[in-house]
Each structure stands twice: as structure tokens, then as C-alpha cells.
Full PDB file with SEQRES, HELIX, SHEET, SSBOND, CRYST1, ORIGX, SCALE, CONECT and MASTER records, all heavy atoms in Angstrom:
SEQRES   1 A   37  LYS ASN THR VAL TYR LEU GLN MET ASN SER LEU LYS PRO          
SEQRES   2 A   37  GLU ASP THR ALA VAL TYR TYR CYS ARG ALA VAL THR LEU          
SEQRES   3 A   37  TYR THR TYR TRP GLY GLN GLY THR GLN VAL THR                  
HELIX    1 AA1 PRO A   13  ASP A   15  5                                   3    
SHEET    1 AA1 2 ALA A  17  TYR A  19  0                                        
SHEET    2 AA1 2 THR A  34  VAL A  36 -1                                        
SHEET    1 AA2 2 ARG A  22  VAL A  24  0                                        
SHEET    2 AA2 2 THR A  28  TRP A  30 -1                                        
CRYST1    1.000    1.000    1.000  90.00  90.00  90.00 P 1           1          
ORIGX1      1.000000  0.000000  0.000000        0.00000                         
ORIGX2      0.000000  1.000000  0.000000        0.00000                         
ORIGX3      0.000000  0.000000  1.000000        0.00000                         
SCALE1      1.000000  0.000000  0.000000        0.00000                         
SCALE2      0.000000  1.000000  0.000000        0.00000                         
SCALE3      0.000000  0.000000  1.000000        0.00000                         
ATOM      1  N   LYS A   1      91.599  86.149  96.563  1.00  0.00           N  
ATOM      2  CA  LYS A   1      92.276  87.458  96.597  1.00  0.00           C  
ATOM      3  C   LYS A   1      92.140  88.238  95.312  1.00  0.00           C  
ATOM      4  O   LYS A   1      92.630  89.352  95.227  1.00  0.00           O  
ATOM      5  CB  LYS A   1      93.773  87.241  96.899  1.00  0.00           C  
ATOM      6  CG  LYS A   1      94.058  86.618  98.243  1.00  0.00           C  
ATOM      7  CD  LYS A   1      95.554  86.463  98.462  1.00  0.00           C  
ATOM      8  CE  LYS A   1      95.869  85.883  99.805  1.00  0.00           C  
ATOM      9  NZ  LYS A   1      97.343  85.717 100.002  1.00  0.00           N  
ATOM     10  N   ASN A   2      91.449  87.648  94.341  1.00  0.00           N  
ATOM     11  CA  ASN A   2      91.324  88.286  93.016  1.00  0.00           C  
ATOM     12  C   ASN A   2      92.678  88.699  92.484  1.00  0.00           C  
ATOM     13  O   ASN A   2      92.867  89.829  92.006  1.00  0.00           O  
ATOM     14  CB  ASN A   2      90.388  89.476  93.045  1.00  0.00           C  
ATOM     15  CG  ASN A   2      88.916  89.055  93.116  1.00  0.00           C  
ATOM     16  OD1 ASN A   2      88.534  87.965  92.638  1.00  0.00           O  
ATOM     17  ND2 ASN A   2      88.071  89.889  93.699  1.00  0.00           N  
ATOM     18  N   THR A   3      93.629  87.794  92.581  1.00  0.00           N  
ATOM     19  CA  THR A   3      95.011  88.068  92.181  1.00  0.00           C  
ATOM     20  C   THR A   3      95.452  87.059  91.161  1.00  0.00           C  
ATOM     21  O   THR A   3      95.171  85.850  91.279  1.00  0.00           O  
ATOM     22  CB  THR A   3      95.956  88.043  93.399  1.00  0.00           C  
ATOM     23  OG1 THR A   3      95.551  89.020  94.326  1.00  0.00           O  
ATOM     24  CG2 THR A   3      97.380  88.314  92.973  1.00  0.00           C  
ATOM     25  N   VAL A   4      96.129  87.523  90.132  1.00  0.00           N  
ATOM     26  CA  VAL A   4      96.675  86.658  89.090  1.00  0.00           C  
ATOM     27  C   VAL A   4      98.187  86.838  89.016  1.00  0.00           C  
ATOM     28  O   VAL A   4      98.704  87.937  89.261  1.00  0.00           O  
ATOM     29  CB  VAL A   4      96.012  86.945  87.717  1.00  0.00           C  
ATOM     30  CG1 VAL A   4      96.328  88.359  87.245  1.00  0.00           C  
ATOM     31  CG2 VAL A   4      96.419  85.925  86.678  1.00  0.00           C  
ATOM     32  N   TYR A   5      98.883  85.744  88.687  1.00  0.00           N  
ATOM     33  CA  TYR A   5     100.332  85.763  88.633  1.00  0.00           C  
ATOM     34  C   TYR A   5     100.791  85.251  87.286  1.00  0.00           C  
ATOM     35  O   TYR A   5     100.108  84.476  86.603  1.00  0.00           O  
ATOM     36  CB  TYR A   5     100.930  84.856  89.725  1.00  0.00           C  
ATOM     37  CG  TYR A   5     100.440  85.138  91.095  1.00  0.00           C  
ATOM     38  CD1 TYR A   5      99.314  84.465  91.614  1.00  0.00           C  
ATOM     39  CD2 TYR A   5     101.061  86.106  91.893  1.00  0.00           C  
ATOM     40  CE1 TYR A   5      98.853  84.743  92.899  1.00  0.00           C  
ATOM     41  CE2 TYR A   5     100.595  86.383  93.183  1.00  0.00           C  
ATOM     42  CZ  TYR A   5      99.503  85.694  93.662  1.00  0.00           C  
ATOM     43  OH  TYR A   5      99.035  85.978  94.932  1.00  0.00           O  
ATOM     44  N   LEU A   6     101.960  85.667  86.877  1.00  0.00           N  
ATOM     45  CA  LEU A   6     102.590  85.148  85.672  1.00  0.00           C  
ATOM     46  C   LEU A   6     104.048  84.871  85.960  1.00  0.00           C  
ATOM     47  O   LEU A   6     104.844  85.780  86.164  1.00  0.00           O  
ATOM     48  CB  LEU A   6     102.486  86.156  84.517  1.00  0.00           C  
ATOM     49  CG  LEU A   6     102.996  85.676  83.172  1.00  0.00           C  
ATOM     50  CD1 LEU A   6     102.106  84.541  82.640  1.00  0.00           C  
ATOM     51  CD2 LEU A   6     103.062  86.824  82.165  1.00  0.00           C  
ATOM     52  N   GLN A   7     104.387  83.595  86.017  1.00  0.00           N  
ATOM     53  CA  GLN A   7     105.764  83.157  86.175  1.00  0.00           C  
ATOM     54  C   GLN A   7     106.393  83.085  84.793  1.00  0.00           C  
ATOM     55  O   GLN A   7     105.931  82.336  83.943  1.00  0.00           O  
ATOM     56  CB  GLN A   7     105.829  81.800  86.863  1.00  0.00           C  
ATOM     57  CG  GLN A   7     107.260  81.284  87.071  1.00  0.00           C  
ATOM     58  CD  GLN A   7     108.072  82.142  88.001  1.00  0.00           C  
ATOM     59  OE1 GLN A   7     107.564  82.476  89.087  1.00  0.00           O  
ATOM     60  NE2 GLN A   7     109.284  82.461  87.619  1.00  0.00           N  
ATOM     61  N   MET A   8     107.455  83.860  84.585  1.00  0.00           N  
ATOM     62  CA  MET A   8     108.113  83.970  83.282  1.00  0.00           C  
ATOM     63  C   MET A   8     109.516  83.409  83.398  1.00  0.00           C  
ATOM     64  O   MET A   8     110.382  84.003  84.062  1.00  0.00           O  
ATOM     65  CB  MET A   8     108.141  85.420  82.843  1.00  0.00           C  
ATOM     66  CG  MET A   8     106.773  86.117  82.909  1.00  0.00           C  
ATOM     67  SD  MET A   8     106.885  87.932  82.793  1.00  0.00           S  
ATOM     68  CE  MET A   8     107.448  88.115  81.123  1.00  0.00           C  
ATOM     69  N   ASN A   9     109.765  82.306  82.718  1.00  0.00           N  
ATOM     70  CA  ASN A   9     111.066  81.639  82.729  1.00  0.00           C  
ATOM     71  C   ASN A   9     111.692  81.680  81.326  1.00  0.00           C  
ATOM     72  O   ASN A   9     110.984  81.863  80.351  1.00  0.00           O  
ATOM     73  CB  ASN A   9     110.964  80.208  83.219  1.00  0.00           C  
ATOM     74  CG  ASN A   9     110.436  80.094  84.636  1.00  0.00           C  
ATOM     75  OD1 ASN A   9     110.734  80.946  85.483  1.00  0.00           O  
ATOM     76  ND2 ASN A   9     109.710  79.016  84.890  1.00  0.00           N  
ATOM     77  N   SER A  10     112.991  81.442  81.274  1.00  0.00           N  
ATOM     78  CA  SER A  10     113.709  81.391  80.016  1.00  0.00           C  
ATOM     79  C   SER A  10     113.404  82.596  79.118  1.00  0.00           C  
ATOM     80  O   SER A  10     113.099  82.483  77.929  1.00  0.00           O  
ATOM     81  CB  SER A  10     113.363  80.088  79.259  1.00  0.00           C  
ATOM     82  OG  SER A  10     113.709  78.958  80.027  1.00  0.00           O  
ATOM     83  N   LEU A  11     113.471  83.770  79.729  1.00  0.00           N  
ATOM     84  CA  LEU A  11     113.083  84.996  79.025  1.00  0.00           C  
ATOM     85  C   LEU A  11     114.020  85.293  77.861  1.00  0.00           C  
ATOM     86  O   LEU A  11     115.216  85.041  77.928  1.00  0.00           O  
ATOM     87  CB  LEU A  11     113.052  86.159  80.015  1.00  0.00           C  
ATOM     88  CG  LEU A  11     111.843  86.161  80.924  1.00  0.00           C  
ATOM     89  CD1 LEU A  11     112.080  87.056  82.141  1.00  0.00           C  
ATOM     90  CD2 LEU A  11     110.608  86.657  80.150  1.00  0.00           C  
ATOM     91  N   LYS A  12     113.426  85.824  76.813  1.00  0.00           N  
ATOM     92  CA  LYS A  12     114.122  86.176  75.581  1.00  0.00           C  
ATOM     93  C   LYS A  12     113.990  87.662  75.320  1.00  0.00           C  
ATOM     94  O   LYS A  12     113.047  88.314  75.781  1.00  0.00           O  
ATOM     95  CB  LYS A  12     113.521  85.405  74.391  1.00  0.00           C  
ATOM     96  CG  LYS A  12     113.514  83.900  74.547  1.00  0.00           C  
ATOM     97  CD  LYS A  12     112.794  83.234  73.375  1.00  0.00           C  
ATOM     98  CE  LYS A  12     112.772  81.733  73.526  1.00  0.00           C  
ATOM     99  NZ  LYS A  12     112.030  81.080  72.393  1.00  0.00           N  
ATOM    100  N   PRO A  13     114.924  88.239  74.545  1.00  0.00           N  
ATOM    101  CA  PRO A  13     114.812  89.677  74.250  1.00  0.00           C  
ATOM    102  C   PRO A  13     113.464  90.047  73.617  1.00  0.00           C  
ATOM    103  O   PRO A  13     112.970  91.144  73.871  1.00  0.00           O  
ATOM    104  CB  PRO A  13     115.970  89.918  73.266  1.00  0.00           C  
ATOM    105  CG  PRO A  13     116.981  88.913  73.694  1.00  0.00           C  
ATOM    106  CD  PRO A  13     116.199  87.698  74.070  1.00  0.00           C  
ATOM    107  N   GLU A  14     112.882  89.157  72.826  1.00  0.00           N  
ATOM    108  CA  GLU A  14     111.593  89.441  72.178  1.00  0.00           C  
ATOM    109  C   GLU A  14     110.444  89.479  73.170  1.00  0.00           C  
ATOM    110  O   GLU A  14     109.302  89.820  72.803  1.00  0.00           O  
ATOM    111  CB  GLU A  14     111.304  88.447  71.046  1.00  0.00           C  
ATOM    112  CG  GLU A  14     111.468  87.009  71.445  1.00  0.00           C  
ATOM    113  CD  GLU A  14     112.790  86.407  71.069  1.00  0.00           C  
ATOM    114  OE1 GLU A  14     113.833  87.090  71.277  1.00  0.00           O  
ATOM    115  OE2 GLU A  14     112.832  85.278  70.554  1.00  0.00           O  
ATOM    116  N   ASP A  15     110.651  89.076  74.417  1.00  0.00           N  
ATOM    117  CA  ASP A  15     109.651  89.213  75.462  1.00  0.00           C  
ATOM    118  C   ASP A  15     109.563  90.632  75.990  1.00  0.00           C  
ATOM    119  O   ASP A  15     108.650  90.935  76.794  1.00  0.00           O  
ATOM    120  CB  ASP A  15     109.903  88.230  76.618  1.00  0.00           C  
ATOM    121  CG  ASP A  15     109.771  86.790  76.215  1.00  0.00           C  
ATOM    122  OD1 ASP A  15     108.848  86.450  75.478  1.00  0.00           O  
ATOM    123  OD2 ASP A  15     110.635  85.982  76.653  1.00  0.00           O  
ATOM    124  N   THR A  16     110.497  91.470  75.622  1.00  0.00           N  
ATOM    125  CA  THR A  16     110.501  92.850  76.085  1.00  0.00           C  
ATOM    126  C   THR A  16     109.229  93.563  75.661  1.00  0.00           C  
ATOM    127  O   THR A  16     108.906  93.606  74.464  1.00  0.00           O  
ATOM    128  CB  THR A  16     111.720  93.608  75.557  1.00  0.00           C  
ATOM    129  OG1 THR A  16     112.927  93.029  76.095  1.00  0.00           O  
ATOM    130  CG2 THR A  16     111.696  95.075  75.945  1.00  0.00           C  
ATOM    131  N   ALA A  17     108.503  94.121  76.628  1.00  0.00           N  
ATOM    132  CA  ALA A  17     107.222  94.772  76.345  1.00  0.00           C  
ATOM    133  C   ALA A  17     106.677  95.345  77.632  1.00  0.00           C  
ATOM    134  O   ALA A  17     107.200  95.098  78.728  1.00  0.00           O  
ATOM    135  CB  ALA A  17     106.212  93.782  75.758  1.00  0.00           C  
ATOM    136  N   VAL A  18     105.621  96.127  77.515  1.00  0.00           N  
ATOM    137  CA  VAL A  18     104.812  96.518  78.678  1.00  0.00           C  
ATOM    138  C   VAL A  18     103.742  95.463  78.834  1.00  0.00           C  
ATOM    139  O   VAL A  18     103.002  95.155  77.901  1.00  0.00           O  
ATOM    140  CB  VAL A  18     104.192  97.901  78.505  1.00  0.00           C  
ATOM    141  CG1 VAL A  18     103.322  98.235  79.712  1.00  0.00           C  
ATOM    142  CG2 VAL A  18     105.273  98.971  78.327  1.00  0.00           C  
ATOM    143  N   TYR A  19     103.668  94.907  80.023  1.00  0.00           N  
ATOM    144  CA  TYR A  19     102.708  93.825  80.315  1.00  0.00           C  
ATOM    145  C   TYR A  19     101.521  94.411  81.083  1.00  0.00           C  
ATOM    146  O   TYR A  19     101.701  95.109  82.095  1.00  0.00           O  
ATOM    147  CB  TYR A  19     103.361  92.720  81.126  1.00  0.00           C  
ATOM    148  CG  TYR A  19     104.266  91.845  80.296  1.00  0.00           C  
ATOM    149  CD1 TYR A  19     105.469  92.324  79.788  1.00  0.00           C  
ATOM    150  CD2 TYR A  19     103.904  90.524  79.992  1.00  0.00           C  
ATOM    151  CE1 TYR A  19     106.281  91.536  78.986  1.00  0.00           C  
ATOM    152  CE2 TYR A  19     104.723  89.724  79.211  1.00  0.00           C  
ATOM    153  CZ  TYR A  19     105.893  90.248  78.699  1.00  0.00           C  
ATOM    154  OH  TYR A  19     106.696  89.446  77.928  1.00  0.00           O  
ATOM    155  N   TYR A  20     100.313  94.120  80.619  1.00  0.00           N  
ATOM    156  CA  TYR A  20      99.095  94.648  81.188  1.00  0.00           C  
ATOM    157  C   TYR A  20      98.236  93.526  81.759  1.00  0.00           C  
ATOM    158  O   TYR A  20      97.992  92.509  81.104  1.00  0.00           O  
ATOM    159  CB  TYR A  20      98.267  95.370  80.102  1.00  0.00           C  
ATOM    160  CG  TYR A  20      98.941  96.576  79.541  1.00  0.00           C  
ATOM    161  CD1 TYR A  20      99.732  96.465  78.406  1.00  0.00           C  
ATOM    162  CD2 TYR A  20      98.774  97.822  80.096  1.00  0.00           C  
ATOM    163  CE1 TYR A  20     100.359  97.564  77.852  1.00  0.00           C  
ATOM    164  CE2 TYR A  20      99.403  98.948  79.564  1.00  0.00           C  
ATOM    165  CZ  TYR A  20     100.179  98.807  78.433  1.00  0.00           C  
ATOM    166  OH  TYR A  20     100.791  99.915  77.890  1.00  0.00           O  
ATOM    167  N   CYS A  21      97.731  93.752  82.952  1.00  0.00           N  
ATOM    168  CA  CYS A  21      96.792  92.847  83.583  1.00  0.00           C  
ATOM    169  C   CYS A  21      95.372  93.156  83.107  1.00  0.00           C  
ATOM    170  O   CYS A  21      95.033  94.330  82.904  1.00  0.00           O  
ATOM    171  CB  CYS A  21      96.890  92.999  85.101  1.00  0.00           C  
ATOM    172  SG  CYS A  21      95.750  91.932  86.051  1.00  0.00           S  
ATOM    173  N   ARG A  22      94.576  92.124  82.917  1.00  0.00           N  
ATOM    174  CA  ARG A  22      93.184  92.279  82.509  1.00  0.00           C  
ATOM    175  C   ARG A  22      92.282  91.440  83.379  1.00  0.00           C  
ATOM    176  O   ARG A  22      92.592  90.298  83.704  1.00  0.00           O  
ATOM    177  CB  ARG A  22      92.976  91.919  81.041  1.00  0.00           C  
ATOM    178  CG  ARG A  22      91.610  92.252  80.531  1.00  0.00           C  
ATOM    179  CD  ARG A  22      91.390  91.799  79.101  1.00  0.00           C  
ATOM    180  NE  ARG A  22      91.106  90.357  79.050  1.00  0.00           N  
ATOM    181  CZ  ARG A  22      90.328  89.791  78.131  1.00  0.00           C  
ATOM    182  NH1 ARG A  22      89.794  90.543  77.147  1.00  0.00           N  
ATOM    183  NH2 ARG A  22      90.127  88.488  78.133  1.00  0.00           N  
ATOM    184  N   ALA A  23      91.142  92.004  83.786  1.00  0.00           N  
ATOM    185  CA  ALA A  23      90.119  91.281  84.544  1.00  0.00           C  
ATOM    186  C   ALA A  23      88.767  91.497  83.903  1.00  0.00           C  
ATOM    187  O   ALA A  23      88.458  92.619  83.466  1.00  0.00           O  
ATOM    188  CB  ALA A  23      90.113  91.730  86.005  1.00  0.00           C  
ATOM    189  N   VAL A  24      87.972  90.448  83.813  1.00  0.00           N  
ATOM    190  CA  VAL A  24      86.663  90.503  83.148  1.00  0.00           C  
ATOM    191  C   VAL A  24      85.554  90.154  84.129  1.00  0.00           C  
ATOM    192  O   VAL A  24      85.575  89.082  84.738  1.00  0.00           O  
ATOM    193  CB  VAL A  24      86.617  89.559  81.946  1.00  0.00           C  
ATOM    194  CG1 VAL A  24      85.241  89.635  81.277  1.00  0.00           C  
ATOM    195  CG2 VAL A  24      87.718  89.890  80.947  1.00  0.00           C  
ATOM    196  N   THR A  25      84.601  91.047  84.264  1.00  0.00           N  
ATOM    197  CA  THR A  25      83.371  90.787  84.996  1.00  0.00           C  
ATOM    198  C   THR A  25      82.243  90.942  83.951  1.00  0.00           C  
ATOM    199  O   THR A  25      82.264  90.227  82.934  1.00  0.00           O  
ATOM    200  CB  THR A  25      83.162  91.755  86.162  1.00  0.00           C  
ATOM    201  OG1 THR A  25      83.103  93.096  85.673  1.00  0.00           O  
ATOM    202  CG2 THR A  25      84.316  91.643  87.138  1.00  0.00           C  
ATOM    203  N   LEU A  26      81.293  91.841  84.174  1.00  0.00           N  
ATOM    204  CA  LEU A  26      80.379  92.254  83.118  1.00  0.00           C  
ATOM    205  C   LEU A  26      81.088  93.236  82.196  1.00  0.00           C  
ATOM    206  O   LEU A  26      80.615  93.535  81.105  1.00  0.00           O  
ATOM    207  CB  LEU A  26      79.119  92.873  83.681  1.00  0.00           C  
ATOM    208  CG  LEU A  26      78.193  91.946  84.462  1.00  0.00           C  
ATOM    209  CD1 LEU A  26      76.984  92.743  85.004  1.00  0.00           C  
ATOM    210  CD2 LEU A  26      77.712  90.818  83.593  1.00  0.00           C  
ATOM    211  N   TYR A  27      82.214  93.738  82.627  1.00  0.00           N  
ATOM    212  CA  TYR A  27      83.039  94.694  81.883  1.00  0.00           C  
ATOM    213  C   TYR A  27      84.473  94.198  81.869  1.00  0.00           C  
ATOM    214  O   TYR A  27      84.834  93.258  82.565  1.00  0.00           O  
ATOM    215  CB  TYR A  27      82.960  96.087  82.505  1.00  0.00           C  
ATOM    216  CG  TYR A  27      81.536  96.610  82.672  1.00  0.00           C  
ATOM    217  CD1 TYR A  27      80.881  96.467  83.907  1.00  0.00           C  
ATOM    218  CD2 TYR A  27      80.876  97.238  81.658  1.00  0.00           C  
ATOM    219  CE1 TYR A  27      79.593  96.906  84.073  1.00  0.00           C  
ATOM    220  CE2 TYR A  27      79.599  97.711  81.811  1.00  0.00           C  
ATOM    221  CZ  TYR A  27      78.951  97.537  83.020  1.00  0.00           C  
ATOM    222  OH  TYR A  27      77.670  98.000  83.198  1.00  0.00           O  
ATOM    223  N   THR A  28      85.296  94.890  81.079  1.00  0.00           N  
ATOM    224  CA  THR A  28      86.713  94.560  81.009  1.00  0.00           C  
ATOM    225  C   THR A  28      87.528  95.704  81.620  1.00  0.00           C  
ATOM    226  O   THR A  28      87.287  96.871  81.294  1.00  0.00           O  
ATOM    227  CB  THR A  28      87.150  94.331  79.573  1.00  0.00           C  
ATOM    228  OG1 THR A  28      86.422  93.233  79.025  1.00  0.00           O  
ATOM    229  CG2 THR A  28      88.632  94.018  79.499  1.00  0.00           C  
ATOM    230  N   TYR A  29      88.469  95.369  82.475  1.00  0.00           N  
ATOM    231  CA  TYR A  29      89.315  96.338  83.157  1.00  0.00           C  
ATOM    232  C   TYR A  29      90.789  96.061  82.869  1.00  0.00           C  
ATOM    233  O   TYR A  29      91.182  94.904  82.747  1.00  0.00           O  
ATOM    234  CB  TYR A  29      89.072  96.311  84.665  1.00  0.00           C  
ATOM    235  CG  TYR A  29      87.644  96.620  85.044  1.00  0.00           C  
ATOM    236  CD1 TYR A  29      86.701  95.607  85.212  1.00  0.00           C  
ATOM    237  CD2 TYR A  29      87.223  97.939  85.253  1.00  0.00           C  
ATOM    238  CE1 TYR A  29      85.400  95.893  85.534  1.00  0.00           C  
ATOM    239  CE2 TYR A  29      85.905  98.234  85.579  1.00  0.00           C  
ATOM    240  CZ  TYR A  29      85.004  97.192  85.737  1.00  0.00           C  
ATOM    241  OH  TYR A  29      83.681  97.489  86.077  1.00  0.00           O  
ATOM    242  N   TRP A  30      91.555  97.131  82.784  1.00  0.00           N  
ATOM    243  CA  TRP A  30      92.982  97.022  82.481  1.00  0.00           C  
ATOM    244  C   TRP A  30      93.822  97.713  83.537  1.00  0.00           C  
ATOM    245  O   TRP A  30      93.445  98.771  84.070  1.00  0.00           O  
ATOM    246  CB  TRP A  30      93.279  97.664  81.114  1.00  0.00           C  
ATOM    247  CG  TRP A  30      92.654  96.949  79.962  1.00  0.00           C  
ATOM    248  CD1 TRP A  30      91.445  97.219  79.407  1.00  0.00           C  
ATOM    249  CD2 TRP A  30      93.219  95.876  79.232  1.00  0.00           C  
ATOM    250  NE1 TRP A  30      91.209  96.356  78.351  1.00  0.00           N  
ATOM    251  CE2 TRP A  30      92.294  95.538  78.215  1.00  0.00           C  
ATOM    252  CE3 TRP A  30      94.436  95.166  79.301  1.00  0.00           C  
ATOM    253  CZ2 TRP A  30      92.542  94.517  77.310  1.00  0.00           C  
ATOM    254  CZ3 TRP A  30      94.679  94.156  78.380  1.00  0.00           C  
ATOM    255  CH2 TRP A  30      93.732  93.859  77.406  1.00  0.00           C  
ATOM    256  N   GLY A  31      94.975  97.132  83.826  1.00  0.00           N  
ATOM    257  CA  GLY A  31      95.922  97.785  84.707  1.00  0.00           C  
ATOM    258  C   GLY A  31      96.742  98.821  83.942  1.00  0.00           C  
ATOM    259  O   GLY A  31      96.592  98.996  82.729  1.00  0.00           O  
ATOM    260  N   GLN A  32      97.617  99.531  84.661  1.00  0.00           N  
ATOM    261  CA  GLN A  32      98.436 100.557  84.056  1.00  0.00           C  
ATOM    262  C   GLN A  32      99.616 100.013  83.270  1.00  0.00           C  
ATOM    263  O   GLN A  32     100.205 100.713  82.456  1.00  0.00           O  
ATOM    264  CB  GLN A  32      98.917 101.545  85.111  1.00  0.00           C  
ATOM    265  CG  GLN A  32      97.817 102.387  85.732  1.00  0.00           C  
ATOM    266  CD  GLN A  32      97.200 103.328  84.726  1.00  0.00           C  
ATOM    267  OE1 GLN A  32      96.045 103.139  84.337  1.00  0.00           O  
ATOM    268  NE2 GLN A  32      97.954 104.309  84.276  1.00  0.00           N  
ATOM    269  N   GLY A  33      99.997  98.768  83.543  1.00  0.00           N  
ATOM    270  CA  GLY A  33     101.107  98.150  82.859  1.00  0.00           C  
ATOM    271  C   GLY A  33     102.379  98.176  83.664  1.00  0.00           C  
ATOM    272  O   GLY A  33     102.620  99.058  84.465  1.00  0.00           O  
ATOM    273  N   THR A  34     103.230  97.177  83.424  1.00  0.00           N  
ATOM    274  CA  THR A  34     104.537  97.097  84.058  1.00  0.00           C  
ATOM    275  C   THR A  34     105.550  96.700  82.992  1.00  0.00           C  
ATOM    276  O   THR A  34     105.327  95.808  82.172  1.00  0.00           O  
ATOM    277  CB  THR A  34     104.521  96.094  85.254  1.00  0.00           C  
ATOM    278  OG1 THR A  34     105.785  96.110  85.896  1.00  0.00           O  
ATOM    279  CG2 THR A  34     104.232  94.662  84.786  1.00  0.00           C  
ATOM    280  N   GLN A  35     106.684  97.392  82.996  1.00  0.00           N  
ATOM    281  CA  GLN A  35     107.706  97.192  81.956  1.00  0.00           C  
ATOM    282  C   GLN A  35     108.553  95.972  82.256  1.00  0.00           C  
ATOM    283  O   GLN A  35     109.070  95.814  83.369  1.00  0.00           O  
ATOM    284  CB  GLN A  35     108.619  98.423  81.874  1.00  0.00           C  
ATOM    285  CG  GLN A  35     109.738  98.290  80.880  1.00  0.00           C  
ATOM    286  CD  GLN A  35     109.281  98.311  79.434  1.00  0.00           C  
ATOM    287  OE1 GLN A  35     108.473  99.150  79.063  1.00  0.00           O  
ATOM    288  NE2 GLN A  35     109.782  97.383  78.632  1.00  0.00           N  
ATOM    289  N   VAL A  36     108.719  95.140  81.262  1.00  0.00           N  
ATOM    290  CA  VAL A  36     109.646  94.001  81.314  1.00  0.00           C  
ATOM    291  C   VAL A  36     110.665  94.183  80.206  1.00  0.00           C  
ATOM    292  O   VAL A  36     110.311  94.303  79.047  1.00  0.00           O  
ATOM    293  CB  VAL A  36     108.905  92.657  81.126  1.00  0.00           C  
ATOM    294  CG1 VAL A  36     109.906  91.512  80.992  1.00  0.00           C  
ATOM    295  CG2 VAL A  36     107.961  92.400  82.298  1.00  0.00           C  
ATOM    296  N   THR A  37     111.920  94.224  80.581  1.00  0.00           N  
ATOM    297  CA  THR A  37     113.006  94.390  79.630  1.00  0.00           C  
ATOM    298  C   THR A  37     113.977  93.247  79.751  1.00  0.00           C  
ATOM    299  O   THR A  37     114.503  92.981  80.846  1.00  0.00           O  
ATOM    300  CB  THR A  37     113.757  95.726  79.852  1.00  0.00           C  
ATOM    301  OG1 THR A  37     112.836  96.808  79.733  1.00  0.00           O  
ATOM    302  CG2 THR A  37     114.855  95.890  78.797  1.00  0.00           C  
TER     303      THR A  37                                                      
MASTER        0    0    0    1    4    0    0    6  302    1    0    3          
END                                                                             
């Protein structure tokens, strides 16, 4: 499915950030980001 997951447990305030997905073929591609607070 060309899908990647990230299970995030025991979250801390310092984990607050915009999280970006990245995929690499012959090139590198980035997603738009999703906010985690």
C-alpha cells in the first residue's frame, strides 16, 4: 500500500511538533505535515 505508520506512546510535551512523512525513490518526497500537540 506504500503506507507508513508511526505509533507514538508515552507522549511528552517536547514531542510537540509538525510531523512530516518522507518517501525515497530516485528522489525524495515530503508530505504537507500534521500537527502533534
